Amino acid sequence: MAYLGEEIRKLGFGLMRLPQKDGVIDVEQVKEMVDLFMEAGFTYFDTAWAYAGSEDAIRQALVERYPRERYQLATKNAAWINCKTKEEAYAQFDASLKQTGAGYFEFCVSHGIT
């Protein structure tokens, strides 16, 4: 499926709930999962500021290990978590950029806007 000039397969890798070991995200297992996903030809990853630890995990498992042009990364703003103003939304987005180290996101979804 081509979208905005990107060829994206129909399956995405969601990072809301990741495997844990001793109560923290098991980054080594996430790396294995990312590698299998990429080897199967999939390239779309979905994280969010509100997914505790997922941005750090995707930085280690994907961003630091694969060239940026090999994947698409989406994030989400969580309007219900200290994100009621434009400035707070920008701050949350900037925090996601910094935490993932991705440089940019292909997609950003705003959740819970009222």
C-alpha atoms as a PDB file:
ATOM      1  CA  MET A   1       0.000   0.000   0.000  1.00  0.00           C
ATOM      2  CA  ALA A   2       1.506   3.320  -0.993  1.00  0.00           C
ATOM      3  CA  TYR A   3       0.780   6.245   1.296  1.00  0.00           C
ATOM      4  CA  LEU A   4       2.400   9.661   1.024  1.00  0.00           C
ATOM      5  CA  GLY A   5       5.024   8.200  -1.260  1.00  0.00           C
ATOM      6  CA  GLU A   6       5.863   5.403   1.172  1.00  0.00           C
ATOM      7  CA  GLU A   7       5.326   1.728   0.493  1.00  0.00           C
ATOM      8  CA  ILE A   8       3.850   0.432   3.739  1.00  0.00           C
ATOM      9  CA  ARG A   9       2.625  -3.109   4.261  1.00  0.00           C
ATOM     10  CA  LYS A  10      -0.658  -3.594   6.060  1.00  0.00           C
ATOM     11  CA  LEU A  11       0.802  -4.898   9.335  1.00  0.00           C
ATOM     12  CA  GLY A  12       2.312  -2.527  11.890  1.00  0.00           C
ATOM     13  CA  PHE A  13       4.362  -3.166  15.019  1.00  0.00           C
ATOM     14  CA  GLY A  14       2.603  -1.600  18.007  1.00  0.00           C
ATOM     15  CA  LEU A  15       4.655  -0.748  21.062  1.00  0.00           C
ATOM     16  CA  MET A  16       1.950  -0.291  23.663  1.00  0.00           C
ATOM     17  CA  ARG A  17       2.694  -3.483  25.593  1.00  0.00           C
ATOM     18  CA  LEU A  18       6.196  -4.897  25.324  1.00  0.00           C
ATOM     19  CA  PRO A  19       7.681  -7.992  26.961  1.00  0.00           C
ATOM     20  CA  GLN A  20       9.158  -7.409  30.376  1.00  0.00           C
ATOM     21  CA  LYS A  21      11.843  -9.007  32.468  1.00  0.00           C
ATOM     22  CA  ASP A  22      12.022  -8.258  36.188  1.00  0.00           C
ATOM     23  CA  GLY A  23       9.444  -5.477  35.768  1.00  0.00           C
ATOM     24  CA  VAL A  24      11.215  -3.541  32.994  1.00  0.00           C
ATOM     25  CA  ILE A  25      10.968  -3.773  29.216  1.00  0.00           C
ATOM     26  CA  ASP A  26      13.167  -6.596  27.913  1.00  0.00           C
ATOM     27  CA  VAL A  27      14.991  -4.611  25.222  1.00  0.00           C
ATOM     28  CA  GLU A  28      16.945  -7.655  24.026  1.00  0.00           C
ATOM     29  CA  GLN A  29      13.694  -9.485  23.291  1.00  0.00           C
ATOM     30  CA  VAL A  30      12.281  -6.356  21.610  1.00  0.00           C
ATOM     31  CA  LYS A  31      15.389  -6.266  19.403  1.00  0.00           C
ATOM     32  CA  GLU A  32      14.712  -9.857  18.330  1.00  0.00           C
ATOM     33  CA  MET A  33      11.079  -9.002  17.621  1.00  0.00           C
ATOM     34  CA  VAL A  34      12.058  -5.924  15.579  1.00  0.00           C
ATOM     35  CA  ASP A  35      14.601  -7.950  13.604  1.00  0.00           C
ATOM     36  CA  LEU A  36      12.021 -10.639  12.752  1.00  0.00           C
ATOM     37  CA  PHE A  37       9.465  -7.991  11.785  1.00  0.00           C
ATOM     38  CA  MET A  38      11.951  -6.211   9.502  1.00  0.00           C
ATOM     39  CA  GLU A  39      13.210  -9.485   7.994  1.00  0.00           C
ATOM     40  CA  ALA A  40       9.608 -10.323   7.074  1.00  0.00           C
ATOM     41  CA  GLY A  41       9.453  -7.105   5.045  1.00  0.00           C
ATOM     42  CA  PHE A  42       7.415  -4.980   7.451  1.00  0.00           C
ATOM     43  CA  THR A  43       8.496  -1.420   8.209  1.00  0.00           C
ATOM     44  CA  TYR A  44       5.772   0.440  10.157  1.00  0.00           C
ATOM     45  CA  PHE A  45       6.243   1.003  13.904  1.00  0.00           C
ATOM     46  CA  ASP A  46       3.828   2.738  16.258  1.00  0.00           C
ATOM     47  CA  THR A  47       4.805   4.226  19.605  1.00  0.00           C
ATOM     48  CA  ALA A  48       3.505   6.977  21.876  1.00  0.00           C
ATOM     49  CA  TRP A  49       4.646   9.259  24.648  1.00  0.00           C
ATOM     50  CA  ALA A  50       2.024   7.644  26.898  1.00  0.00           C
ATOM     51  CA  TYR A  51       3.369   4.094  26.355  1.00  0.00           C
ATOM     52  CA  ALA A  52       5.755   3.954  29.305  1.00  0.00           C
ATOM     53  CA  GLY A  53       9.239   2.976  28.156  1.00  0.00           C
ATOM     54  CA  SER A  54       8.280   2.265  24.540  1.00  0.00           C
ATOM     55  CA  GLU A  55      10.105   5.252  23.078  1.00  0.00           C
ATOM     56  CA  ASP A  56      13.347   4.303  24.778  1.00  0.00           C
ATOM     57  CA  ALA A  57      12.881   0.666  23.723  1.00  0.00           C
ATOM     58  CA  ILE A  58      12.257   1.544  20.067  1.00  0.00           C
ATOM     59  CA  ARG A  59      15.295   3.844  20.078  1.00  0.00           C
ATOM     60  CA  GLN A  60      17.475   0.961  21.228  1.00  0.00           C
ATOM     61  CA  ALA A  61      15.827  -1.800  19.190  1.00  0.00           C
ATOM     62  CA  LEU A  62      15.219   0.050  15.912  1.00  0.00           C
ATOM     63  CA  VAL A  63      16.518   3.615  15.612  1.00  0.00           C
ATOM     64  CA  GLU A  64      20.060   2.863  16.771  1.00  0.00           C
ATOM     65  CA  ARG A  65      20.280  -0.329  14.691  1.00  0.00           C
ATOM     66  CA  TYR A  66      18.631   0.396  11.315  1.00  0.00           C
ATOM     67  CA  PRO A  67      19.083   3.167   8.758  1.00  0.00           C
ATOM     68  CA  ARG A  68      16.294   5.748   9.103  1.00  0.00           C
ATOM     69  CA  GLU A  69      15.089   5.265   5.524  1.00  0.00           C
ATOM     70  CA  ARG A  70      14.291   1.565   6.210  1.00  0.00           C
ATOM     71  CA  TYR A  71      11.274   2.141   8.458  1.00  0.00           C
ATOM     72  CA  GLN A  72       8.342   4.429   9.183  1.00  0.00           C
ATOM     73  CA  LEU A  73       7.644   5.562  12.718  1.00  0.00           C
ATOM     74  CA  ALA A  74       4.374   6.907  14.094  1.00  0.00           C
ATOM     75  CA  THR A  75       3.708   8.507  17.447  1.00  0.00           C
ATOM     76  CA  LYS A  76       0.679   9.807  19.285  1.00  0.00           C
ATOM     77  CA  ASN A  77      -0.062  12.789  21.482  1.00  0.00           C
ATOM     78  CA  ALA A  78      -2.154  11.941  24.517  1.00  0.00           C
ATOM     79  CA  ALA A  79      -4.465  14.936  24.948  1.00  0.00           C
ATOM     80  CA  TRP A  80      -5.720  13.670  28.299  1.00  0.00           C
ATOM     81  CA  ILE A  81      -2.221  13.776  29.869  1.00  0.00           C
ATOM     82  CA  ASN A  82      -1.056  17.376  30.394  1.00  0.00           C
ATOM     83  CA  CYS A  83      -1.775  18.239  26.790  1.00  0.00           C
ATOM     84  CA  LYS A  84      -4.568  20.837  26.809  1.00  0.00           C
ATOM     85  CA  THR A  85      -2.743  23.647  24.996  1.00  0.00           C
ATOM     86  CA  LYS A  86      -0.830  23.946  21.756  1.00  0.00           C
ATOM     87  CA  GLU A  87       2.377  24.471  23.738  1.00  0.00           C
ATOM     88  CA  GLU A  88       1.798  21.321  25.792  1.00  0.00           C
ATOM     89  CA  ALA A  89       1.110  19.325  22.610  1.00  0.00           C
ATOM     90  CA  TYR A  90       4.324  20.611  21.037  1.00  0.00           C
ATOM     91  CA  ALA A  91       6.253  19.791  24.216  1.00  0.00           C
ATOM     92  CA  GLN A  92       4.892  16.236  24.247  1.00  0.00           C
ATOM     93  CA  PHE A  93       5.761  15.801  20.560  1.00  0.00           C
ATOM     94  CA  ASP A  94       9.274  17.206  21.102  1.00  0.00           C
ATOM     95  CA  ALA A  95       9.765  14.857  24.068  1.00  0.00           C
ATOM     96  CA  SER A  96       8.840  11.932  21.809  1.00  0.00           C
ATOM     97  CA  LEU A  97      11.314  13.056  19.151  1.00  0.00           C
ATOM     98  CA  LYS A  98      14.076  13.345  21.731  1.00  0.00           C
ATOM     99  CA  GLN A  99      13.295  10.040  23.448  1.00  0.00           C
ATOM    100  CA  THR A 100      13.115   8.000  20.234  1.00  0.00           C
ATOM    101  CA  GLY A 101      16.082   9.726  18.631  1.00  0.00           C
ATOM    102  CA  ALA A 102      14.365   9.173  15.280  1.00  0.00           C
ATOM    103  CA  GLY A 103      14.784  12.741  14.028  1.00  0.00           C
ATOM    104  CA  TYR A 104      11.259  12.835  12.621  1.00  0.00           C
ATOM    105  CA  PHE A 105       7.997  10.904  12.518  1.00  0.00           C
ATOM    106  CA  GLU A 106       6.162   9.984   9.352  1.00  0.00           C
ATOM    107  CA  PHE A 107       2.850  10.076  11.213  1.00  0.00           C
ATOM    108  CA  CYS A 108       1.452  11.651  14.374  1.00  0.00           C
ATOM    109  CA  VAL A 109      -2.003  10.973  15.780  1.00  0.00           C
ATOM    110  CA  SER A 110      -3.654  13.182  18.386  1.00  0.00           C
ATOM    111  CA  HIS A 111      -5.828  11.153  20.763  1.00  0.00           C
ATOM    112  CA  GLY A 112      -8.589  12.417  23.001  1.00  0.00           C
ATOM    113  CA  ILE A 113      -9.047  15.895  21.588  1.00  0.00           C
ATOM    114  CA  THR A 114     -12.174  17.552  22.965  1.00  0.00           C
END
